[in-house]
Amino acid sequence: MANLPTEIAETIWNLKRQLLDIINEATAAESNLFERFGETSETIPFLDELKNVAERATPWFSRLSNAQLRIANAQPSISSDMLDLVMQSIETIQAEAPALERSIQEVKSEWNLP
């Protein structure tokens, strides 16, 4: 991999893990809500919210994965433009991920889901 600082590389891995957990938890909660209560006028907004959470996290996961691949192929060093793009993505994801996690927890709390 090109000269990506270790701290940034670890941050990317941690964010990908967090995003994958968000996608998994949102999808599991959506499935659980549907199985327990069905698709009703009361559950539809919550089912949609959980689907939206997973759909918002998915492109961020893909963007980080694609950045890792580009960086691995960028030899001998990463361009400043690429590094800037990665850093902007990291900052955005770090700001957005807690809101996604809260959305899941709010739905789970509202419906007493595990």
C-alpha atoms as a PDB file:
ATOM      1  CA  MET A   1       0.000   0.000   0.000  1.00  0.00           C
ATOM      2  CA  ALA A   2       1.239   3.490  -0.721  1.00  0.00           C
ATOM      3  CA  ASN A   3       2.495   5.628   2.128  1.00  0.00           C
ATOM      4  CA  LEU A   4      -0.767   5.967   4.032  1.00  0.00           C
ATOM      5  CA  PRO A   5      -0.075   6.826   7.669  1.00  0.00           C
ATOM      6  CA  THR A   6      -0.834   3.907   9.995  1.00  0.00           C
ATOM      7  CA  GLU A   7      -3.290   5.973  12.045  1.00  0.00           C
ATOM      8  CA  ILE A   8      -5.352   6.808   8.965  1.00  0.00           C
ATOM      9  CA  ALA A   9      -5.266   3.204   7.755  1.00  0.00           C
ATOM     10  CA  GLU A  10      -6.503   2.012  11.158  1.00  0.00           C
ATOM     11  CA  THR A  11      -9.202   4.674  11.176  1.00  0.00           C
ATOM     12  CA  ILE A  12     -10.432   3.428   7.800  1.00  0.00           C
ATOM     13  CA  TRP A  13     -10.586  -0.179   9.054  1.00  0.00           C
ATOM     14  CA  ASN A  14     -12.405   0.889  12.215  1.00  0.00           C
ATOM     15  CA  LEU A  15     -14.918   2.962  10.269  1.00  0.00           C
ATOM     16  CA  LYS A  16     -15.568   0.126   7.845  1.00  0.00           C
ATOM     17  CA  ARG A  17     -16.187  -2.195  10.791  1.00  0.00           C
ATOM     18  CA  GLN A  18     -18.525   0.391  12.356  1.00  0.00           C
ATOM     19  CA  LEU A  19     -20.413   0.891   9.090  1.00  0.00           C
ATOM     20  CA  LEU A  20     -20.765  -2.856   8.595  1.00  0.00           C
ATOM     21  CA  ASP A  21     -22.118  -3.137  12.143  1.00  0.00           C
ATOM     22  CA  ILE A  22     -24.600  -0.335  11.409  1.00  0.00           C
ATOM     23  CA  ILE A  23     -25.773  -2.045   8.227  1.00  0.00           C
ATOM     24  CA  ASN A  24     -26.090  -5.378  10.001  1.00  0.00           C
ATOM     25  CA  GLU A  25     -27.905  -3.942  13.026  1.00  0.00           C
ATOM     26  CA  ALA A  26     -30.319  -1.871  10.912  1.00  0.00           C
ATOM     27  CA  THR A  27     -31.111  -4.837   8.688  1.00  0.00           C
ATOM     28  CA  ALA A  28     -31.572  -7.168  11.660  1.00  0.00           C
ATOM     29  CA  ALA A  29     -33.832  -4.667  13.436  1.00  0.00           C
ATOM     30  CA  GLU A  30     -35.871  -4.191  10.270  1.00  0.00           C
ATOM     31  CA  SER A  31     -36.295  -7.937   9.912  1.00  0.00           C
ATOM     32  CA  ASN A  32     -37.150  -8.343  13.590  1.00  0.00           C
ATOM     33  CA  LEU A  33     -39.713  -5.531  13.497  1.00  0.00           C
ATOM     34  CA  PHE A  34     -41.332  -6.969  10.378  1.00  0.00           C
ATOM     35  CA  GLU A  35     -41.429 -10.511  11.766  1.00  0.00           C
ATOM     36  CA  ARG A  36     -42.897  -9.433  15.106  1.00  0.00           C
ATOM     37  CA  PHE A  37     -45.394  -6.793  13.989  1.00  0.00           C
ATOM     38  CA  GLY A  38     -45.743  -7.075  10.223  1.00  0.00           C
ATOM     39  CA  GLU A  39     -46.084  -4.263   7.735  1.00  0.00           C
ATOM     40  CA  THR A  40     -48.735  -1.937   9.081  1.00  0.00           C
ATOM     41  CA  SER A  41     -49.388   1.772   8.898  1.00  0.00           C
ATOM     42  CA  GLU A  42     -47.681   2.019  12.294  1.00  0.00           C
ATOM     43  CA  THR A  43     -44.561   0.035  11.409  1.00  0.00           C
ATOM     44  CA  ILE A  44     -43.960   1.270   7.851  1.00  0.00           C
ATOM     45  CA  PRO A  45     -42.236   4.536   8.867  1.00  0.00           C
ATOM     46  CA  PHE A  46     -39.936   2.614  11.203  1.00  0.00           C
ATOM     47  CA  LEU A  47     -39.199  -0.091   8.642  1.00  0.00           C
ATOM     48  CA  ASP A  48     -38.398   2.661   6.150  1.00  0.00           C
ATOM     49  CA  GLU A  49     -36.134   4.406   8.653  1.00  0.00           C
ATOM     50  CA  LEU A  50     -34.140   1.239   9.264  1.00  0.00           C
ATOM     51  CA  LYS A  51     -33.836   0.561   5.542  1.00  0.00           C
ATOM     52  CA  ASN A  52     -32.726   4.173   5.059  1.00  0.00           C
ATOM     53  CA  VAL A  53     -30.021   3.786   7.721  1.00  0.00           C
ATOM     54  CA  ALA A  54     -28.576   0.729   5.963  1.00  0.00           C
ATOM     55  CA  GLU A  55     -28.800   2.463   2.586  1.00  0.00           C
ATOM     56  CA  ARG A  56     -26.974   5.534   3.925  1.00  0.00           C
ATOM     57  CA  ALA A  57     -24.161   3.474   5.460  1.00  0.00           C
ATOM     58  CA  THR A  58     -23.590   1.219   2.451  1.00  0.00           C
ATOM     59  CA  PRO A  59     -22.071   3.797   0.064  1.00  0.00           C
ATOM     60  CA  TRP A  60     -19.720   5.027   2.781  1.00  0.00           C
ATOM     61  CA  PHE A  61     -18.457   1.477   3.292  1.00  0.00           C
ATOM     62  CA  SER A  62     -17.964   1.124  -0.469  1.00  0.00           C
ATOM     63  CA  ARG A  63     -16.224   4.489  -0.729  1.00  0.00           C
ATOM     64  CA  LEU A  64     -13.699   3.539   1.947  1.00  0.00           C
ATOM     65  CA  SER A  65     -13.095   0.141   0.343  1.00  0.00           C
ATOM     66  CA  ASN A  66     -12.561   1.737  -3.057  1.00  0.00           C
ATOM     67  CA  ALA A  67     -10.197   4.279  -1.531  1.00  0.00           C
ATOM     68  CA  GLN A  68      -8.180   1.462   0.033  1.00  0.00           C
ATOM     69  CA  LEU A  69      -7.876  -0.243  -3.343  1.00  0.00           C
ATOM     70  CA  ARG A  70      -6.840   2.962  -5.092  1.00  0.00           C
ATOM     71  CA  ILE A  71      -4.292   3.691  -2.405  1.00  0.00           C
ATOM     72  CA  ALA A  72      -2.882   0.153  -2.660  1.00  0.00           C
ATOM     73  CA  ASN A  73      -2.398   0.690  -6.391  1.00  0.00           C
ATOM     74  CA  ALA A  74      -0.925   4.178  -5.990  1.00  0.00           C
ATOM     75  CA  GLN A  75       2.789   3.532  -5.863  1.00  0.00           C
ATOM     76  CA  PRO A  76       5.138   4.723  -4.617  1.00  0.00           C
ATOM     77  CA  SER A  77       3.041   7.254  -2.741  1.00  0.00           C
ATOM     78  CA  ILE A  78      -0.494   8.514  -2.355  1.00  0.00           C
ATOM     79  CA  SER A  79      -1.350  11.812  -4.020  1.00  0.00           C
ATOM     80  CA  SER A  80      -2.354  14.741  -1.857  1.00  0.00           C
ATOM     81  CA  ASP A  81      -5.714  14.883  -3.668  1.00  0.00           C
ATOM     82  CA  MET A  82      -6.421  11.256  -2.808  1.00  0.00           C
ATOM     83  CA  LEU A  83      -5.386  11.794   0.795  1.00  0.00           C
ATOM     84  CA  ASP A  84      -7.628  14.884   1.010  1.00  0.00           C
ATOM     85  CA  LEU A  85     -10.572  12.906  -0.367  1.00  0.00           C
ATOM     86  CA  VAL A  86      -9.972  10.102   2.144  1.00  0.00           C
ATOM     87  CA  MET A  87      -9.733  12.566   5.021  1.00  0.00           C
ATOM     88  CA  GLN A  88     -12.965  14.301   3.960  1.00  0.00           C
ATOM     89  CA  SER A  89     -14.721  10.930   3.794  1.00  0.00           C
ATOM     90  CA  ILE A  90     -13.399   9.988   7.233  1.00  0.00           C
ATOM     91  CA  GLU A  91     -14.617  13.256   8.749  1.00  0.00           C
ATOM     92  CA  THR A  92     -18.055  12.939   7.175  1.00  0.00           C
ATOM     93  CA  ILE A  93     -18.480   9.326   8.255  1.00  0.00           C
ATOM     94  CA  GLN A  94     -17.312  10.087  11.790  1.00  0.00           C
ATOM     95  CA  ALA A  95     -19.930  12.834  11.969  1.00  0.00           C
ATOM     96  CA  GLU A  96     -22.754  10.785  10.428  1.00  0.00           C
ATOM     97  CA  ALA A  97     -22.249   7.336  11.985  1.00  0.00           C
ATOM     98  CA  PRO A  98     -23.430   8.284  15.497  1.00  0.00           C
ATOM     99  CA  ALA A  99     -26.703   9.625  14.057  1.00  0.00           C
ATOM    100  CA  LEU A 100     -27.226   6.389  12.150  1.00  0.00           C
ATOM    101  CA  GLU A 101     -26.610   4.383  15.310  1.00  0.00           C
ATOM    102  CA  ARG A 102     -29.040   6.586  17.260  1.00  0.00           C
ATOM    103  CA  SER A 103     -31.728   6.062  14.623  1.00  0.00           C
ATOM    104  CA  ILE A 104     -31.446   2.307  15.036  1.00  0.00           C
ATOM    105  CA  GLN A 105     -31.543   2.545  18.829  1.00  0.00           C
ATOM    106  CA  GLU A 106     -34.587   4.819  18.746  1.00  0.00           C
ATOM    107  CA  VAL A 107     -36.543   2.374  16.598  1.00  0.00           C
ATOM    108  CA  LYS A 108     -35.474  -0.562  18.742  1.00  0.00           C
ATOM    109  CA  SER A 109     -36.490   1.313  21.875  1.00  0.00           C
ATOM    110  CA  GLU A 110     -39.833   2.411  20.419  1.00  0.00           C
ATOM    111  CA  TRP A 111     -40.742  -1.183  19.547  1.00  0.00           C
ATOM    112  CA  ASN A 112     -38.915  -2.934  22.408  1.00  0.00           C
ATOM    113  CA  LEU A 113     -36.716  -4.840  19.994  1.00  0.00           C
ATOM    114  CA  PRO A 114     -33.658  -6.729  21.200  1.00  0.00           C
END
